[in-house]
Amino acid sequence: MGRIDITGGFSIHDYRAKLKLLHDDGETRTLENRAELGCPACGRAFDRLFVTEDATASFDTPPERPFCLARTEAKLLLMTH
């Protein structure tokens, strides 16, 4: 299992063979982890990845579902476990 590396930023294209795009509205993307990639924050495998370049975002998460955040200069990443 490799860990997502956000050193120098994050590009979905670097991980396209391991992530399945579930939603893309041009401003936010939701992807499924298909290859047990490790979270850039904690190192554990995650289920879903939410990526946005927007300054703010709102979303509902299921109760009792841990999540991690990682920030690059241009993007905010949220991983649900």
N, C-alpha and C. Protein backbone atom coordinates (compact mmCIF):
# COMPACT_ATOMS: atom_id res chain seq x y z
N MET A 1 0.86 -1.18 0.00
CA MET A 1 0.00 0.00 0.00
C MET A 1 0.89 1.23 0.00
N GLY A 2 0.73 2.09 -0.98
CA GLY A 2 1.43 3.35 -1.01
C GLY A 2 0.60 4.43 -0.34
N ARG A 3 1.27 5.42 0.16
CA ARG A 3 0.61 6.55 0.81
C ARG A 3 0.53 7.70 -0.18
N ILE A 4 -0.60 8.41 -0.22
CA ILE A 4 -0.71 9.57 -1.10
C ILE A 4 0.30 10.62 -0.64
N ASP A 5 1.11 11.07 -1.56
CA ASP A 5 2.15 12.06 -1.27
C ASP A 5 1.65 13.44 -1.69
N ILE A 6 1.52 14.34 -0.73
CA ILE A 6 1.05 15.69 -1.06
C ILE A 6 2.20 16.71 -1.02
N THR A 7 3.43 16.22 -0.88
CA THR A 7 4.59 17.10 -0.95
C THR A 7 4.62 17.73 -2.34
N GLY A 8 4.56 19.03 -2.41
CA GLY A 8 4.57 19.71 -3.70
C GLY A 8 3.20 19.78 -4.35
N GLY A 9 2.13 19.40 -3.62
CA GLY A 9 0.78 19.49 -4.16
C GLY A 9 0.15 18.12 -4.34
N PHE A 10 -1.01 18.11 -4.97
CA PHE A 10 -1.73 16.87 -5.23
C PHE A 10 -2.37 16.94 -6.60
N SER A 11 -2.19 15.89 -7.37
CA SER A 11 -2.84 15.76 -8.67
C SER A 11 -3.54 14.40 -8.72
N ILE A 12 -4.82 14.42 -9.02
CA ILE A 12 -5.59 13.18 -9.15
C ILE A 12 -4.96 12.29 -10.23
N HIS A 13 -4.40 12.91 -11.25
CA HIS A 13 -3.84 12.15 -12.36
C HIS A 13 -2.69 11.25 -11.94
N ASP A 14 -1.99 11.60 -10.86
CA ASP A 14 -0.90 10.76 -10.37
C ASP A 14 -1.42 9.45 -9.78
N TYR A 15 -2.70 9.40 -9.42
CA TYR A 15 -3.28 8.24 -8.77
C TYR A 15 -4.49 7.68 -9.53
N ARG A 16 -4.66 8.06 -10.79
CA ARG A 16 -5.87 7.71 -11.54
C ARG A 16 -6.11 6.21 -11.67
N ALA A 17 -5.08 5.39 -11.66
CA ALA A 17 -5.28 3.94 -11.76
C ALA A 17 -5.74 3.34 -10.44
N LYS A 18 -5.61 4.09 -9.35
CA LYS A 18 -5.95 3.57 -8.02
C LYS A 18 -7.19 4.20 -7.42
N LEU A 19 -7.69 5.26 -8.04
CA LEU A 19 -8.88 5.96 -7.56
C LEU A 19 -9.97 5.94 -8.63
N LYS A 20 -11.20 5.69 -8.23
CA LYS A 20 -12.32 5.71 -9.17
C LYS A 20 -13.11 6.99 -8.95
N LEU A 21 -13.28 7.77 -10.00
CA LEU A 21 -14.05 9.02 -9.92
C LEU A 21 -15.53 8.71 -9.76
N LEU A 22 -16.12 9.23 -8.70
CA LEU A 22 -17.55 9.04 -8.44
C LEU A 22 -18.36 10.29 -8.76
N HIS A 23 -17.75 11.46 -8.59
CA HIS A 23 -18.46 12.73 -8.81
C HIS A 23 -17.44 13.81 -9.18
N ASP A 24 -17.79 14.62 -10.17
CA ASP A 24 -16.96 15.76 -10.56
C ASP A 24 -17.87 16.84 -11.11
N ASP A 25 -17.98 17.94 -10.39
CA ASP A 25 -18.81 19.04 -10.88
C ASP A 25 -17.97 20.23 -11.33
N GLY A 26 -16.67 20.00 -11.51
CA GLY A 26 -15.77 21.06 -11.95
C GLY A 26 -15.14 21.82 -10.78
N GLU A 27 -15.78 21.79 -9.63
CA GLU A 27 -15.24 22.47 -8.45
C GLU A 27 -14.86 21.50 -7.34
N THR A 28 -15.57 20.38 -7.25
CA THR A 28 -15.26 19.36 -6.26
C THR A 28 -15.27 17.99 -6.93
N ARG A 29 -14.50 17.09 -6.35
CA ARG A 29 -14.45 15.72 -6.85
C ARG A 29 -14.55 14.76 -5.68
N THR A 30 -15.23 13.64 -5.89
CA THR A 30 -15.28 12.56 -4.91
C THR A 30 -14.78 11.31 -5.61
N LEU A 31 -13.85 10.63 -4.94
CA LEU A 31 -13.24 9.44 -5.53
C LEU A 31 -13.26 8.29 -4.54
N GLU A 32 -13.31 7.08 -5.09
CA GLU A 32 -13.26 5.86 -4.28
C GLU A 32 -11.84 5.30 -4.34
N ASN A 33 -11.33 4.88 -3.20
CA ASN A 33 -10.01 4.28 -3.11
C ASN A 33 -10.11 2.81 -3.51
N ARG A 34 -9.57 2.45 -4.66
CA ARG A 34 -9.67 1.09 -5.18
C ARG A 34 -8.42 0.27 -4.91
N ALA A 35 -7.38 0.89 -4.35
CA ALA A 35 -6.09 0.18 -4.22
C ALA A 35 -5.51 0.26 -2.82
N GLU A 36 -6.35 0.53 -1.83
CA GLU A 36 -5.86 0.60 -0.44
C GLU A 36 -4.75 1.64 -0.27
N LEU A 37 -4.86 2.76 -1.00
CA LEU A 37 -3.90 3.85 -0.81
C LEU A 37 -3.95 4.33 0.63
N GLY A 38 -2.81 4.76 1.13
CA GLY A 38 -2.75 5.27 2.49
C GLY A 38 -3.08 6.76 2.54
N CYS A 39 -3.73 7.16 3.60
CA CYS A 39 -4.11 8.55 3.85
C CYS A 39 -2.85 9.39 4.04
N PRO A 40 -2.78 10.59 3.44
CA PRO A 40 -1.60 11.44 3.65
C PRO A 40 -1.48 11.97 5.08
N ALA A 41 -2.58 11.95 5.83
CA ALA A 41 -2.54 12.47 7.20
C ALA A 41 -2.14 11.39 8.21
N CYS A 42 -2.76 10.20 8.12
CA CYS A 42 -2.53 9.17 9.15
C CYS A 42 -1.87 7.91 8.63
N GLY A 43 -1.85 7.71 7.32
CA GLY A 43 -1.23 6.54 6.73
C GLY A 43 -2.13 5.34 6.55
N ARG A 44 -3.30 5.32 7.22
CA ARG A 44 -4.23 4.19 7.08
C ARG A 44 -4.97 4.28 5.74
N ALA A 45 -5.41 3.12 5.25
CA ALA A 45 -6.23 3.10 4.03
C ALA A 45 -7.53 3.87 4.28
N PHE A 46 -8.02 4.54 3.26
CA PHE A 46 -9.27 5.29 3.37
C PHE A 46 -10.25 4.77 2.34
N ASP A 47 -11.56 5.09 2.53
CA ASP A 47 -12.60 4.65 1.61
C ASP A 47 -12.83 5.64 0.48
N ARG A 48 -13.07 6.89 0.84
CA ARG A 48 -13.41 7.95 -0.11
C ARG A 48 -12.48 9.14 0.06
N LEU A 49 -12.29 9.84 -1.04
CA LEU A 49 -11.48 11.05 -1.07
C LEU A 49 -12.31 12.16 -1.67
N PHE A 50 -12.42 13.27 -0.95
CA PHE A 50 -13.12 14.47 -1.42
C PHE A 50 -12.04 15.52 -1.65
N VAL A 51 -12.04 16.14 -2.83
CA VAL A 51 -11.02 17.13 -3.19
C VAL A 51 -11.71 18.39 -3.67
N THR A 52 -11.26 19.55 -3.16
CA THR A 52 -11.80 20.82 -3.63
C THR A 52 -10.71 21.88 -3.65
N GLU A 53 -10.85 22.82 -4.55
CA GLU A 53 -9.99 23.99 -4.59
C GLU A 53 -10.73 25.21 -4.06
N ASP A 54 -12.02 25.02 -3.73
CA ASP A 54 -12.84 26.11 -3.19
C ASP A 54 -12.37 26.48 -1.78
N ALA A 55 -12.64 27.70 -1.39
CA ALA A 55 -12.27 28.17 -0.04
C ALA A 55 -13.16 27.54 1.03
N THR A 56 -14.39 27.19 0.68
CA THR A 56 -15.32 26.57 1.63
C THR A 56 -16.04 25.41 0.96
N ALA A 57 -16.50 24.47 1.79
CA ALA A 57 -17.27 23.33 1.29
C ALA A 57 -18.12 22.80 2.44
N SER A 58 -19.31 22.32 2.12
CA SER A 58 -20.19 21.70 3.10
C SER A 58 -20.60 20.33 2.60
N PHE A 59 -20.67 19.38 3.51
CA PHE A 59 -21.09 18.04 3.14
C PHE A 59 -21.49 17.30 4.41
N ASP A 60 -22.29 16.28 4.24
CA ASP A 60 -22.71 15.45 5.36
C ASP A 60 -21.83 14.21 5.40
N THR A 61 -21.43 13.82 6.60
CA THR A 61 -20.70 12.57 6.76
C THR A 61 -21.51 11.68 7.68
N PRO A 62 -21.49 10.40 7.43
CA PRO A 62 -22.24 9.49 8.30
C PRO A 62 -21.71 9.57 9.74
N PRO A 63 -22.57 9.42 10.73
CA PRO A 63 -22.10 9.44 12.11
C PRO A 63 -21.13 8.28 12.37
N GLU A 64 -20.24 8.50 13.31
CA GLU A 64 -19.29 7.46 13.71
C GLU A 64 -18.32 7.08 12.58
N ARG A 65 -18.11 7.97 11.64
CA ARG A 65 -17.18 7.68 10.54
C ARG A 65 -15.99 8.63 10.64
N PRO A 66 -14.83 8.13 11.05
CA PRO A 66 -13.68 9.01 11.20
C PRO A 66 -13.23 9.57 9.84
N PHE A 67 -12.62 10.75 9.89
CA PHE A 67 -12.08 11.34 8.67
C PHE A 67 -10.80 12.09 8.99
N CYS A 68 -9.99 12.32 7.96
CA CYS A 68 -8.75 13.08 8.07
C CYS A 68 -8.77 14.19 7.04
N LEU A 69 -8.07 15.27 7.33
CA LEU A 69 -7.91 16.38 6.40
C LEU A 69 -6.44 16.55 6.05
N ALA A 70 -6.19 16.94 4.81
CA ALA A 70 -4.84 17.28 4.37
C ALA A 70 -4.96 18.49 3.47
N ARG A 71 -4.05 19.42 3.58
CA ARG A 71 -4.12 20.67 2.82
C ARG A 71 -2.84 20.84 2.02
N THR A 72 -3.00 21.14 0.75
CA THR A 72 -1.87 21.57 -0.07
C THR A 72 -2.05 23.07 -0.27
N GLU A 73 -1.16 23.68 -0.99
CA GLU A 73 -1.29 25.11 -1.24
C GLU A 73 -2.57 25.43 -2.01
N ALA A 74 -2.99 24.51 -2.89
CA ALA A 74 -4.13 24.79 -3.75
C ALA A 74 -5.38 23.98 -3.45
N LYS A 75 -5.25 22.88 -2.69
CA LYS A 75 -6.38 21.97 -2.53
C LYS A 75 -6.58 21.56 -1.09
N LEU A 76 -7.83 21.23 -0.77
CA LEU A 76 -8.18 20.60 0.51
C LEU A 76 -8.63 19.18 0.21
N LEU A 77 -8.07 18.21 0.94
CA LEU A 77 -8.43 16.81 0.76
C LEU A 77 -9.06 16.31 2.05
N LEU A 78 -10.16 15.59 1.92
CA LEU A 78 -10.83 14.98 3.05
C LEU A 78 -10.94 13.49 2.75
N MET A 79 -10.42 12.65 3.66
CA MET A 79 -10.47 11.22 3.48
C MET A 79 -11.37 10.64 4.57
N THR A 80 -12.35 9.82 4.18
CA THR A 80 -13.19 9.13 5.17
C THR A 80 -12.65 7.71 5.31
N HIS A 81 -12.67 7.23 6.53
CA HIS A 81 -12.15 5.89 6.84
C HIS A 81 -13.27 4.96 7.20
